[in-house]
Amino acid sequence: MADVDIIPKIRCDNCGLTVEKEQRGTGPSRSFHRPGKWGSLKIEGGRSIDSYGMKGRLDFTDLCPSCANAAIDAAAAALKSARREDAE
């Protein structure tokens, strides 16, 4: 009987992009990890209800590179805007 090599996959929590995880090591000591350019996002807000998902926090464990970059750009723009409002 032939050995079957199954490579686990990872799915973006935002857009649903699915890719294979990266393999490290060989033989019985091998392990699989999410790709190095993938990111994650965890934000806890100060209000009890947020407009996105009706939560006071955002928690995305796995984000593909384009979604991770979009999230960090959006957060940076929102924080920059908040600083300008407080200064006036």
PDB file of N, CA and C in Angstrom:
ATOM      1  N   MET A   1       0.837  -1.175   0.000  1.00  0.00           N
ATOM      2  CA  MET A   1       0.000   0.000   0.000  1.00  0.00           C
ATOM      3  C   MET A   1       0.889   1.248   0.000  1.00  0.00           C
ATOM      4  N   ALA A   2       0.523   2.219  -0.787  1.00  0.00           N
ATOM      5  CA  ALA A   2       1.306   3.449  -0.918  1.00  0.00           C
ATOM      6  C   ALA A   2       1.026   4.398   0.240  1.00  0.00           C
ATOM      7  N   ASP A   3       2.052   5.151   0.620  1.00  0.00           N
ATOM      8  CA  ASP A   3       1.883   6.175   1.650  1.00  0.00           C
ATOM      9  C   ASP A   3       1.218   7.390   1.027  1.00  0.00           C
ATOM     10  N   VAL A   4       0.330   7.986   1.766  1.00  0.00           N
ATOM     11  CA  VAL A   4      -0.352   9.197   1.312  1.00  0.00           C
ATOM     12  C   VAL A   4       0.214  10.365   2.115  1.00  0.00           C
ATOM     13  N   ASP A   5       0.693  11.368   1.406  1.00  0.00           N
ATOM     14  CA  ASP A   5       1.261  12.547   2.054  1.00  0.00           C
ATOM     15  C   ASP A   5       0.220  13.655   2.028  1.00  0.00           C
ATOM     16  N   ILE A   6      -0.347  13.955   3.169  1.00  0.00           N
ATOM     17  CA  ILE A   6      -1.383  14.981   3.268  1.00  0.00           C
ATOM     18  C   ILE A   6      -0.763  16.250   3.835  1.00  0.00           C
ATOM     19  N   ILE A   7      -0.915  17.343   3.105  1.00  0.00           N
ATOM     20  CA  ILE A   7      -0.410  18.635   3.557  1.00  0.00           C
ATOM     21  C   ILE A   7      -1.605  19.464   4.032  1.00  0.00           C
ATOM     22  N   PRO A   8      -1.621  19.874   5.305  1.00  0.00           N
ATOM     23  CA  PRO A   8      -2.735  20.683   5.792  1.00  0.00           C
ATOM     24  C   PRO A   8      -2.789  22.030   5.093  1.00  0.00           C
ATOM     25  N   LYS A   9      -3.978  22.610   5.067  1.00  0.00           N
ATOM     26  CA  LYS A   9      -4.178  23.904   4.422  1.00  0.00           C
ATOM     27  C   LYS A   9      -4.572  24.943   5.453  1.00  0.00           C
ATOM     28  N   ILE A  10      -4.408  26.179   5.061  1.00  0.00           N
ATOM     29  CA  ILE A  10      -4.789  27.314   5.899  1.00  0.00           C
ATOM     30  C   ILE A  10      -5.731  28.188   5.080  1.00  0.00           C
ATOM     31  N   ARG A  11      -6.720  28.773   5.752  1.00  0.00           N
ATOM     32  CA  ARG A  11      -7.731  29.589   5.077  1.00  0.00           C
ATOM     33  C   ARG A  11      -7.781  30.971   5.716  1.00  0.00           C
ATOM     34  N   CYS A  12      -7.790  32.005   4.886  1.00  0.00           N
ATOM     35  CA  CYS A  12      -7.873  33.382   5.381  1.00  0.00           C
ATOM     36  C   CYS A  12      -9.223  33.595   6.066  1.00  0.00           C
ATOM     37  N   ASP A  13      -9.198  34.167   7.265  1.00  0.00           N
ATOM     38  CA  ASP A  13     -10.424  34.416   8.021  1.00  0.00           C
ATOM     39  C   ASP A  13     -11.273  35.523   7.415  1.00  0.00           C
ATOM     40  N   ASN A  14     -10.714  36.311   6.511  1.00  0.00           N
ATOM     41  CA  ASN A  14     -11.467  37.405   5.913  1.00  0.00           C
ATOM     42  C   ASN A  14     -11.963  37.068   4.514  1.00  0.00           C
ATOM     43  N   CYS A  15     -11.077  36.744   3.597  1.00  0.00           N
ATOM     44  CA  CYS A  15     -11.479  36.550   2.196  1.00  0.00           C
ATOM     45  C   CYS A  15     -11.659  35.089   1.804  1.00  0.00           C
ATOM     46  N   GLY A  16     -11.169  34.155   2.608  1.00  0.00           N
ATOM     47  CA  GLY A  16     -11.356  32.745   2.331  1.00  0.00           C
ATOM     48  C   GLY A  16     -10.290  32.103   1.456  1.00  0.00           C
ATOM     49  N   LEU A  17      -9.240  32.836   1.097  1.00  0.00           N
ATOM     50  CA  LEU A  17      -8.152  32.265   0.306  1.00  0.00           C
ATOM     51  C   LEU A  17      -7.577  31.058   1.047  1.00  0.00           C
ATOM     52  N   THR A  18      -7.402  29.943   0.339  1.00  0.00           N
ATOM     53  CA  THR A  18      -6.885  28.724   0.942  1.00  0.00           C
ATOM     54  C   THR A  18      -5.582  28.325   0.262  1.00  0.00           C
ATOM     55  N   VAL A  19      -4.537  28.101   1.060  1.00  0.00           N
ATOM     56  CA  VAL A  19      -3.240  27.667   0.546  1.00  0.00           C
ATOM     57  C   VAL A  19      -2.693  26.566   1.460  1.00  0.00           C
ATOM     58  N   GLU A  20      -1.676  25.860   0.970  1.00  0.00           N
ATOM     59  CA  GLU A  20      -1.047  24.826   1.775  1.00  0.00           C
ATOM     60  C   GLU A  20      -0.134  25.448   2.823  1.00  0.00           C
ATOM     61  N   LYS A  21      -0.077  24.825   3.993  1.00  0.00           N
ATOM     62  CA  LYS A  21       0.849  25.276   5.032  1.00  0.00           C
ATOM     63  C   LYS A  21       2.272  24.919   4.632  1.00  0.00           C
ATOM     64  N   GLU A  22       3.242  25.618   5.222  1.00  0.00           N
ATOM     65  CA  GLU A  22       4.646  25.345   4.934  1.00  0.00           C
ATOM     66  C   GLU A  22       5.145  24.218   5.830  1.00  0.00           C
ATOM     67  N   GLN A  23       5.927  23.321   5.230  1.00  0.00           N
ATOM     68  CA  GLN A  23       6.476  22.190   5.972  1.00  0.00           C
ATOM     69  C   GLN A  23       7.870  22.509   6.473  1.00  0.00           C
ATOM     70  N   ARG A  24       8.131  22.157   7.724  1.00  0.00           N
ATOM     71  CA  ARG A  24       9.466  22.299   8.298  1.00  0.00           C
ATOM     72  C   ARG A  24       9.900  20.948   8.834  1.00  0.00           C
ATOM     73  N   GLY A  25      11.130  20.606   8.576  1.00  0.00           N
ATOM     74  CA  GLY A  25      11.653  19.318   9.025  1.00  0.00           C
ATOM     75  C   GLY A  25      11.289  18.201   8.057  1.00  0.00           C
ATOM     76  N   THR A  26      11.803  17.017   8.340  1.00  0.00           N
ATOM     77  CA  THR A  26      11.523  15.851   7.505  1.00  0.00           C
ATOM     78  C   THR A  26      11.231  14.650   8.386  1.00  0.00           C
ATOM     79  N   GLY A  27      10.648  13.644   7.773  1.00  0.00           N
ATOM     80  CA  GLY A  27      10.381  12.404   8.498  1.00  0.00           C
ATOM     81  C   GLY A  27       9.394  12.602   9.623  1.00  0.00           C
ATOM     82  N   PRO A  28       9.588  11.870  10.714  1.00  0.00           N
ATOM     83  CA  PRO A  28       8.622  11.953  11.827  1.00  0.00           C
ATOM     84  C   PRO A  28       8.682  13.280  12.587  1.00  0.00           C
ATOM     85  N   SER A  29       9.752  14.048  12.415  1.00  0.00           N
ATOM     86  CA  SER A  29       9.871  15.310  13.152  1.00  0.00           C
ATOM     87  C   SER A  29       9.355  16.509  12.353  1.00  0.00           C
ATOM     88  N   ARG A  30       8.717  16.268  11.221  1.00  0.00           N
ATOM     89  CA  ARG A  30       8.242  17.392  10.413  1.00  0.00           C
ATOM     90  C   ARG A  30       7.017  18.037  11.052  1.00  0.00           C
ATOM     91  N   SER A  31       6.857  19.311  10.776  1.00  0.00           N
ATOM     92  CA  SER A  31       5.704  20.048  11.279  1.00  0.00           C
ATOM     93  C   SER A  31       5.258  21.034  10.211  1.00  0.00           C
ATOM     94  N   PHE A  32       4.026  21.499  10.331  1.00  0.00           N
ATOM     95  CA  PHE A  32       3.462  22.430   9.362  1.00  0.00           C
ATOM     96  C   PHE A  32       3.111  23.735  10.061  1.00  0.00           C
ATOM     97  N   HIS A  33       3.388  24.842   9.368  1.00  0.00           N
ATOM     98  CA  HIS A  33       3.136  26.172   9.923  1.00  0.00           C
ATOM     99  C   HIS A  33       2.481  27.043   8.867  1.00  0.00           C
ATOM    100  N   ARG A  34       1.826  28.102   9.322  1.00  0.00           N
ATOM    101  CA  ARG A  34       1.231  29.010   8.346  1.00  0.00           C
ATOM    102  C   ARG A  34       2.351  29.708   7.579  1.00  0.00           C
ATOM    103  N   PRO A  35       2.087  30.107   6.337  1.00  0.00           N
ATOM    104  CA  PRO A  35       3.118  30.783   5.536  1.00  0.00           C
ATOM    105  C   PRO A  35       3.640  32.031   6.251  1.00  0.00           C
ATOM    106  N   GLY A  36       4.910  32.330   6.054  1.00  0.00           N
ATOM    107  CA  GLY A  36       5.571  33.413   6.763  1.00  0.00           C
ATOM    108  C   GLY A  36       4.992  34.798   6.521  1.00  0.00           C
ATOM    109  N   LYS A  37       4.415  35.048   5.360  1.00  0.00           N
ATOM    110  CA  LYS A  37       3.880  36.379   5.072  1.00  0.00           C
ATOM    111  C   LYS A  37       2.450  36.565   5.545  1.00  0.00           C
ATOM    112  N   TRP A  38       1.839  35.521   6.081  1.00  0.00           N
ATOM    113  CA  TRP A  38       0.486  35.632   6.592  1.00  0.00           C
ATOM    114  C   TRP A  38       0.506  36.363   7.926  1.00  0.00           C
ATOM    115  N   GLY A  39      -0.580  37.019   8.275  1.00  0.00           N
ATOM    116  CA  GLY A  39      -0.638  37.786   9.505  1.00  0.00           C
ATOM    117  C   GLY A  39      -1.858  37.430  10.329  1.00  0.00           C
ATOM    118  N   SER A  40      -2.008  38.139  11.415  1.00  0.00           N
ATOM    119  CA  SER A  40      -3.177  37.982  12.279  1.00  0.00           C
ATOM    120  C   SER A  40      -3.536  39.349  12.835  1.00  0.00           C
ATOM    121  N   LEU A  41      -4.732  39.455  13.374  1.00  0.00           N
ATOM    122  CA  LEU A  41      -5.206  40.734  13.881  1.00  0.00           C
ATOM    123  C   LEU A  41      -6.039  40.501  15.124  1.00  0.00           C
ATOM    124  N   LYS A  42      -5.724  41.220  16.177  1.00  0.00           N
ATOM    125  CA  LYS A  42      -6.543  41.196  17.383  1.00  0.00           C
ATOM    126  C   LYS A  42      -6.637  42.620  17.901  1.00  0.00           C
ATOM    127  N   ILE A  43      -7.836  43.158  17.904  1.00  0.00           N
ATOM    128  CA  ILE A  43      -8.075  44.517  18.380  1.00  0.00           C
ATOM    129  C   ILE A  43      -9.211  44.468  19.390  1.00  0.00           C
ATOM    130  N   GLU A  44      -9.006  45.062  20.527  1.00  0.00           N
ATOM    131  CA  GLU A  44     -10.052  45.172  21.535  1.00  0.00           C
ATOM    132  C   GLU A  44     -10.424  46.634  21.684  1.00  0.00           C
ATOM    133  N   GLY A  45     -11.682  46.927  21.484  1.00  0.00           N
ATOM    134  CA  GLY A  45     -12.154  48.300  21.551  1.00  0.00           C
ATOM    135  C   GLY A  45     -12.621  48.694  22.938  1.00  0.00           C
ATOM    136  N   GLY A  46     -12.930  49.966  23.082  1.00  0.00           N
ATOM    137  CA  GLY A  46     -13.389  50.482  24.364  1.00  0.00           C
ATOM    138  C   GLY A  46     -14.897  50.546  24.475  1.00  0.00           C
ATOM    139  N   ARG A  47     -15.606  50.142  23.436  1.00  0.00           N
ATOM    140  CA  ARG A  47     -17.065  50.158  23.506  1.00  0.00           C
ATOM    141  C   ARG A  47     -17.599  48.730  23.544  1.00  0.00           C
ATOM    142  N   SER A  48     -18.809  48.586  24.005  1.00  0.00           N
ATOM    143  CA  SER A  48     -19.345  47.241  24.177  1.00  0.00           C
ATOM    144  C   SER A  48     -19.865  46.649  22.874  1.00  0.00           C
ATOM    145  N   ILE A  49     -20.282  47.459  21.919  1.00  0.00           N
ATOM    146  CA  ILE A  49     -20.790  46.946  20.648  1.00  0.00           C
ATOM    147  C   ILE A  49     -20.086  47.661  19.510  1.00  0.00           C
ATOM    148  N   ASP A  50     -19.556  46.879  18.575  1.00  0.00           N
ATOM    149  CA  ASP A  50     -18.860  47.409  17.410  1.00  0.00           C
ATOM    150  C   ASP A  50     -19.733  47.166  16.185  1.00  0.00           C
ATOM    151  N   SER A  51     -19.618  47.996  15.177  1.00  0.00           N
ATOM    152  CA  SER A  51     -20.449  47.857  13.988  1.00  0.00           C
ATOM    153  C   SER A  51     -20.061  46.648  13.146  1.00  0.00           C
ATOM    154  N   TYR A  52     -18.869  46.099  13.301  1.00  0.00           N
ATOM    155  CA  TYR A  52     -18.429  44.957  12.505  1.00  0.00           C
ATOM    156  C   TYR A  52     -18.636  43.687  13.307  1.00  0.00           C
ATOM    157  N   GLY A  53     -19.678  42.944  12.993  1.00  0.00           N
ATOM    158  CA  GLY A  53     -19.935  41.690  13.682  1.00  0.00           C
ATOM    159  C   GLY A  53     -20.565  41.857  15.054  1.00  0.00           C
ATOM    160  N   MET A  54     -20.982  43.068  15.400  1.00  0.00           N
ATOM    161  CA  MET A  54     -21.627  43.347  16.682  1.00  0.00           C
ATOM    162  C   MET A  54     -20.764  42.924  17.869  1.00  0.00           C
ATOM    163  N   LYS A  55     -19.479  43.176  17.793  1.00  0.00           N
ATOM    164  CA  LYS A  55     -18.556  42.813  18.862  1.00  0.00           C
ATOM    165  C   LYS A  55     -17.735  44.021  19.258  1.00  0.00           C
ATOM    166  N   GLY A  56     -17.210  43.996  20.449  1.00  0.00           N
ATOM    167  CA  GLY A  56     -16.315  45.039  20.904  1.00  0.00           C
ATOM    168  C   GLY A  56     -14.870  44.743  20.565  1.00  0.00           C
ATOM    169  N   ARG A  57     -14.648  43.711  19.750  1.00  0.00           N
ATOM    170  CA  ARG A  57     -13.283  43.367  19.368  1.00  0.00           C
ATOM    171  C   ARG A  57     -13.271  42.688  18.003  1.00  0.00           C
ATOM    172  N   LEU A  58     -12.107  42.708  17.359  1.00  0.00           N
ATOM    173  CA  LEU A  58     -11.861  41.989  16.116  1.00  0.00           C
ATOM    174  C   LEU A  58     -10.753  40.987  16.385  1.00  0.00           C
ATOM    175  N   ASP A  59     -10.949  39.754  15.981  1.00  0.00           N
ATOM    176  CA  ASP A  59      -9.957  38.716  16.217  1.00  0.00           C
ATOM    177  C   ASP A  59      -9.885  37.808  14.996  1.00  0.00           C
ATOM    178  N   PHE A  60      -8.898  38.045  14.150  1.00  0.00           N
ATOM    179  CA  PHE A  60      -8.668  37.224  12.973  1.00  0.00           C
ATOM    180  C   PHE A  60      -7.337  36.509  13.177  1.00  0.00           C
ATOM    181  N   THR A  61      -7.371  35.210  13.343  1.00  0.00           N
ATOM    182  CA  THR A  61      -6.162  34.443  13.604  1.00  0.00           C
ATOM    183  C   THR A  61      -5.301  34.312  12.363  1.00  0.00           C
ATOM    184  N   ASP A  62      -5.916  34.091  11.206  1.00  0.00           N
ATOM    185  CA  ASP A  62      -5.179  33.865   9.963  1.00  0.00           C
ATOM    186  C   ASP A  62      -5.638  34.835   8.887  1.00  0.00           C
ATOM    187  N   LEU A  63      -4.744  35.709   8.453  1.00  0.00           N
ATOM    188  CA  LEU A  63      -5.045  36.654   7.371  1.00  0.00           C
ATOM    189  C   LEU A  63      -3.998  36.501   6.275  1.00  0.00           C
ATOM    190  N   CYS A  64      -4.463  36.370   5.019  1.00  0.00           N
ATOM    191  CA  CYS A  64      -3.537  36.296   3.889  1.00  0.00           C
ATOM    192  C   CYS A  64      -2.785  37.628   3.793  1.00  0.00           C
ATOM    193  N   PRO A  65      -1.697  37.677   3.053  1.00  0.00           N
ATOM    194  CA  PRO A  65      -0.908  38.911   2.992  1.00  0.00           C
ATOM    195  C   PRO A  65      -1.707  40.146   2.567  1.00  0.00           C
ATOM    196  N   SER A  66      -2.585  40.025   1.581  1.00  0.00           N
ATOM    197  CA  SER A  66      -3.316  41.214   1.139  1.00  0.00           C
ATOM    198  C   SER A  66      -4.324  41.682   2.191  1.00  0.00           C
ATOM    199  N   CYS A  67      -5.002  40.764   2.873  1.00  0.00           N
ATOM    200  CA  CYS A  67      -5.945  41.158   3.930  1.00  0.00           C
ATOM    201  C   CYS A  67      -5.204  41.697   5.156  1.00  0.00           C
ATOM    202  N   ALA A  68      -4.057  41.113   5.487  1.00  0.00           N
ATOM    203  CA  ALA A  68      -3.269  41.602   6.620  1.00  0.00           C
ATOM    204  C   ALA A  68      -2.779  43.021   6.350  1.00  0.00           C
ATOM    205  N   ASN A  69      -2.316  43.277   5.123  1.00  0.00           N
ATOM    206  CA  ASN A  69      -1.853  44.626   4.770  1.00  0.00           C
ATOM    207  C   ASN A  69      -3.011  45.615   4.770  1.00  0.00           C
ATOM    208  N   ALA A  70      -4.181  45.199   4.270  1.00  0.00           N
ATOM    209  CA  ALA A  70      -5.352  46.086   4.270  1.00  0.00           C
ATOM    210  C   ALA A  70      -5.773  46.417   5.696  1.00  0.00           C
ATOM    211  N   ALA A  71      -5.736  45.429   6.595  1.00  0.00           N
ATOM    212  CA  ALA A  71      -6.127  45.654   7.987  1.00  0.00           C
ATOM    213  C   ALA A  71      -5.188  46.625   8.679  1.00  0.00           C
ATOM    214  N   ILE A  72      -3.900  46.466   8.466  1.00  0.00           N
ATOM    215  CA  ILE A  72      -2.946  47.356   9.139  1.00  0.00           C
ATOM    216  C   ILE A  72      -3.010  48.770   8.546  1.00  0.00           C
ATOM    217  N   ASP A  73      -3.232  48.879   7.227  1.00  0.00           N
ATOM    218  CA  ASP A  73      -3.384  50.197   6.609  1.00  0.00           C
ATOM    219  C   ASP A  73      -4.630  50.900   7.127  1.00  0.00           C
ATOM    220  N   ALA A  74      -5.736  50.158   7.256  1.00  0.00           N
ATOM    221  CA  ALA A  74      -6.984  50.745   7.749  1.00  0.00           C
ATOM    222  C   ALA A  74      -6.851  51.182   9.208  1.00  0.00           C
ATOM    223  N   ALA A  75      -6.222  50.352  10.021  1.00  0.00           N
ATOM    224  CA  ALA A  75      -6.036  50.709  11.430  1.00  0.00           C
ATOM    225  C   ALA A  75      -5.139  51.938  11.564  1.00  0.00           C
ATOM    226  N   ALA A  76      -4.068  51.993  10.783  1.00  0.00           N
ATOM    227  CA  ALA A  76      -3.166  53.146  10.840  1.00  0.00           C
ATOM    228  C   ALA A  76      -3.880  54.415  10.401  1.00  0.00           C
ATOM    229  N   ALA A  77      -4.694  54.339   9.355  1.00  0.00           N
ATOM    230  CA  ALA A  77      -5.427  55.515   8.874  1.00  0.00           C
ATOM    231  C   ALA A  77      -6.453  55.977   9.914  1.00  0.00           C
ATOM    232  N   ALA A  78      -7.136  55.036  10.541  1.00  0.00           N
ATOM    233  CA  ALA A  78      -8.133  55.398  11.557  1.00  0.00           C
ATOM    234  C   ALA A  78      -7.475  56.030  12.775  1.00  0.00           C
ATOM    235  N   LEU A  79      -6.352  55.501  13.210  1.00  0.00           N
ATOM    236  CA  LEU A  79      -5.647  56.070  14.359  1.00  0.00           C
ATOM    237  C   LEU A  79      -5.082  57.450  14.032  1.00  0.00           C
ATOM    238  N   LYS A  80      -4.581  57.626  12.824  1.00  0.00           N
ATOM    239  CA  LYS A  80      -4.073  58.934  12.413  1.00  0.00           C
ATOM    240  C   LYS A  80      -5.197  59.953  12.393  1.00  0.00           C
ATOM    241  N   SER A  81      -6.357  59.545  11.895  1.00  0.00           N
ATOM    242  CA  SER A  81      -7.517  60.431  11.864  1.00  0.00           C
ATOM    243  C   SER A  81      -7.962  60.803  13.280  1.00  0.00           C
ATOM    244  N   ALA A  82      -7.939  59.852  14.191  1.00  0.00           N
ATOM    245  CA  ALA A  82      -8.332  60.121  15.577  1.00  0.00           C
ATOM    246  C   ALA A  82      -7.370  61.091  16.252  1.00  0.00           C
ATOM    247  N   ARG A  83      -6.099  61.005  15.953  1.00  0.00           N
ATOM    248  CA  ARG A  83      -5.130  61.948  16.523  1.00  0.00           C
ATOM    249  C   ARG A  83      -5.407  63.363  16.044  1.00  0.00           C
ATOM    250  N   ARG A  84      -5.756  63.523  14.788  1.00  0.00           N
ATOM    251  CA  ARG A  84      -6.053  64.872  14.259  1.00  0.00           C
ATOM    252  C   ARG A  84      -7.303  65.439  14.912  1.00  0.00           C
ATOM    253  N   GLU A  85      -8.323  64.621  15.144  1.00  0.00           N
ATOM    254  CA  GLU A  85      -9.550  65.103  15.757  1.00  0.00           C
ATOM    255  C   GLU A  85      -9.294  65.550  17.192  1.00  0.00           C
ATOM    256  N   ASP A  86      -8.456  64.815  17.909  1.00  0.00           N
ATOM    257  CA  ASP A  86      -8.162  65.165  19.309  1.00  0.00           C
ATOM    258  C   ASP A  86      -7.328  66.442  19.389  1.00  0.00           C
ATOM    259  N   ALA A  87      -6.504  66.722  18.388  1.00  0.00           N
ATOM    260  CA  ALA A  87      -5.622  67.881  18.418  1.00  0.00           C
ATOM    261  C   ALA A  87      -6.386  69.194  18.197  1.00  0.00           C
ATOM    262  N   GLU A  88      -7.537  69.109  17.548  1.00  0.00           N
ATOM    263  CA  GLU A  88      -8.291  70.332  17.236  1.00  0.00           C
ATOM    264  C   GLU A  88      -9.191  70.769  18.351  1.00  0.00           C
TER     265      GLU A  88
END
